[in-house]
Protein backbone atom coordinates (compact mmCIF):
# COMPACT_ATOMS: atom_id res chain seq x y z
CA MET A 1 -18.48 -2.98 8.14
CA ASN A 2 -16.62 -0.01 9.18
CA LEU A 3 -12.87 0.37 9.39
CA ASP A 4 -11.47 2.51 12.30
CA PHE A 5 -8.25 4.27 10.98
CA ASP A 6 -5.15 5.47 13.57
CA LYS A 7 -1.87 6.38 13.46
CA ALA A 8 -0.05 2.73 12.36
CA THR A 9 2.37 1.79 15.21
CA LEU A 10 5.13 -0.08 14.92
CA GLU A 11 2.95 -3.31 16.82
CA ASP A 12 0.80 -2.80 13.69
CA ALA A 13 2.82 -3.05 11.08
CA LEU A 14 4.35 -6.39 12.89
CA TYR A 15 1.03 -7.61 13.50
CA ILE A 16 -0.25 -7.18 9.39
CA ALA A 17 3.68 -8.84 8.36
CA ASP A 18 2.55 -11.88 10.20
CA HIS A 19 -1.21 -11.91 8.87
CA LEU A 20 -0.47 -10.82 5.59
CA ARG A 21 -2.13 -12.47 2.73
CA PRO A 22 -0.89 -14.12 0.16
CA SER A 23 -1.09 -11.42 -2.61
CA ASP A 24 0.99 -9.30 -0.04
CA ARG A 25 3.33 -11.34 1.05
CA GLU A 26 4.33 -11.18 -3.11
CA GLU A 27 4.36 -7.97 -3.47
CA CYS A 28 6.49 -7.40 -0.35
CA ASN A 29 8.51 -10.34 -2.07
CA ALA A 30 8.69 -8.53 -5.30
CA HIS A 31 10.12 -5.08 -4.08
CA THR A 32 12.69 -6.93 -1.34
CA ALA A 33 14.54 -10.05 -0.57
CA ALA A 34 13.74 -9.49 3.51
CA ALA A 35 11.15 -10.89 5.72
CA ALA A 36 7.79 -9.65 5.97
CA ARG A 37 8.35 -8.45 9.36
CA THR A 38 11.40 -6.49 8.53
CA THR A 39 9.92 -5.26 5.00
CA LEU A 40 6.98 -3.83 7.12
CA GLU A 41 9.38 -2.54 9.73
CA THR A 42 11.23 -0.32 7.18
CA ALA A 43 8.52 0.70 5.31
CA TRP A 44 6.94 2.07 8.76
CA LYS A 45 9.88 3.68 9.58
CA ALA A 46 10.47 5.40 6.12
CA SER A 47 7.10 6.77 5.86
CA SER A 48 6.61 10.21 6.81
CA HIS A 49 2.72 9.14 7.72
CA ALA A 50 1.20 5.75 8.17
CA TRP A 51 -2.18 4.52 9.36
CA THR A 52 -4.18 1.27 10.50
CA ALA A 53 -7.20 0.13 9.43
CA LYS A 54 -8.41 -1.62 12.43
CA SER A 55 -12.14 -3.52 12.61
CA ALA A 56 -14.45 -3.06 15.00
CA GLU A 57 -13.08 -5.22 17.91
CA GLY A 58 -9.67 -3.26 17.28
CA THR A 59 -7.93 -5.81 15.12
CA PRO A 60 -5.27 -4.63 12.79
CA ILE A 61 -6.51 -5.15 9.02
CA ALA A 62 -4.55 -3.05 6.83
CA ILE A 63 -1.29 -0.91 7.05
CA LEU A 64 -0.84 2.02 4.84
CA GLY A 65 1.64 4.63 4.60
CA LEU A 66 3.07 7.23 2.21
CA VAL A 67 7.30 7.28 1.86
CA PRO A 68 8.65 10.25 0.24
CA ALA A 69 10.48 9.75 -2.96
CA PRO A 70 13.64 10.70 -3.02
CA GLY A 71 15.14 13.53 -4.76
CA MET A 72 11.23 14.18 -6.45
CA SER A 73 9.86 17.19 -4.30
CA GLY A 74 5.74 16.71 -4.20
CA THR A 75 5.87 13.05 -4.39
CA GLY A 76 4.89 10.18 -2.29
CA ILE A 77 5.35 6.53 -2.89
CA PRO A 78 1.99 4.75 -1.32
CA TRP A 79 2.00 1.40 0.31
CA LEU A 80 -0.80 -0.64 1.42
CA LEU A 81 -0.95 -4.24 3.14
CA CYS A 82 -3.18 -6.62 4.23
CA ALA A 83 -4.15 -9.21 6.36
CA GLU A 84 -5.97 -11.86 5.57
CA GLU A 85 -9.34 -10.37 7.36
CA ALA A 86 -9.14 -7.81 4.25
CA ASP A 87 -10.73 -10.22 1.83
CA THR A 88 -13.98 -10.19 4.43
CA MET A 89 -14.84 -7.09 4.21
CA PRO A 90 -14.05 -5.75 0.27
CA LYS A 91 -16.90 -3.14 0.63
CA ALA A 92 -15.52 -1.53 3.12
CA PHE A 93 -12.41 -0.48 1.37
CA LEU A 94 -14.33 0.67 -1.68
CA LYS A 95 -15.63 2.92 1.30
CA TYR A 96 -12.87 4.42 2.53
CA THR A 97 -10.39 4.22 -0.24
CA PRO A 98 -11.58 7.72 -2.01
CA GLU A 99 -11.16 9.86 1.50
CA TYR A 100 -7.30 8.43 2.33
CA LEU A 101 -6.63 9.05 -1.87
CA GLY A 102 -7.77 12.55 -1.20
CA VAL A 103 -5.55 12.40 2.33
CA LEU A 104 -2.74 11.00 0.55
CA HIS A 105 -2.41 13.58 -2.11
CA ALA A 106 -2.82 16.39 0.47
CA ILE A 107 0.18 15.19 1.65
CA TYR A 108 1.75 14.49 -1.78
CA PRO A 109 0.55 15.78 -5.22
CA ARG A 110 2.18 12.95 -7.06
CA LEU A 111 1.79 9.32 -5.82
CA LEU A 112 3.40 6.27 -7.62
CA ASN A 113 4.83 3.05 -7.30
CA ALA A 114 5.07 -0.46 -8.19
CA VAL A 115 3.14 -4.06 -7.82
CA PRO A 116 3.63 -7.34 -9.03
CA SER A 117 2.14 -7.40 -12.27
CA THR A 118 0.33 -11.15 -11.50
CA SER A 119 -1.54 -8.71 -8.96
CA THR A 120 -4.16 -8.16 -11.34
CA LYS A 121 -6.62 -7.52 -7.94
CA THR A 122 -4.95 -4.86 -7.30
CA LEU A 123 -4.23 -3.44 -10.50
CA ALA A 124 -7.56 -3.24 -11.41
CA TRP A 125 -8.45 -1.77 -7.91
CA LEU A 126 -5.81 1.15 -9.09
CA LYS A 127 -7.03 1.56 -12.14
CA HIS A 128 -10.84 1.95 -10.57
CA LEU A 129 -9.00 4.50 -8.40
CA GLY A 130 -7.66 6.90 -11.17
CA PHE A 131 -3.91 5.69 -10.89
CA THR A 132 -2.08 5.28 -14.49
CA LEU A 133 -0.78 2.36 -14.92
CA GLY A 134 2.85 1.86 -17.02
CA GLU A 135 4.35 -0.93 -18.87
CA PRO A 136 5.38 -4.27 -16.62
CA ILE A 137 9.29 -4.05 -15.95
CA PRO A 138 11.12 -6.68 -14.66
CA SER A 139 11.78 -6.23 -10.51
CA PRO A 140 15.31 -4.98 -9.50
CA ILE A 141 14.99 -7.51 -6.97
CA LEU A 142 13.95 -10.95 -8.21
CA ALA A 143 14.74 -12.18 -11.34
CA GLY A 144 11.88 -13.69 -13.52
CA VAL A 145 9.12 -10.92 -11.99
CA GLN A 146 7.46 -8.34 -13.61
CA ILE A 147 5.94 -5.54 -11.57
CA THR A 148 3.80 -2.77 -12.92
CA PRO A 149 4.48 0.80 -12.32
CA PHE A 150 1.51 3.21 -11.25
CA TYR A 151 1.22 6.72 -10.54
CA ARG A 152 -1.63 9.43 -9.53
CA VAL A 153 -1.14 13.43 -9.95
CA GLU A 154 -3.77 15.53 -8.23
CA THR A 155 -4.13 18.80 -9.25
CA HIS A 156 -6.32 20.37 -7.30
CA VAL A 157 -4.89 20.11 -3.68
């Protein structure tokens, strides 16, 4: 299955928020105490760049963006959240991810963020993409939740 990528809109962000996979909802909760719609709207507004992956029918499947890291020139905070339908098309994500990773690095040579340490599929995917995983640390938002920082540096931009 192919995915079409467009510049993300607020409507796309809110659609994804209303249809988040449980693991993506957990990821949102590990970073903020706000509702998913508020979290996605905030991430979309804070992003210097954001795209929506849509099905052939035009349904938003995933949204990804880059937030400039405050006080860290050349560093972006990538984020990706998916609707439940994304789980039906893992091959499409594997196909397009390397291409978009190159796009992200062309904008920010250094990428960093963190995900819940329980998100084993996400952590394996990040490792497969060449991200370095840090040691789990306590979430600054939710007591008892561990997050795993990740980063990737592109030296050939």
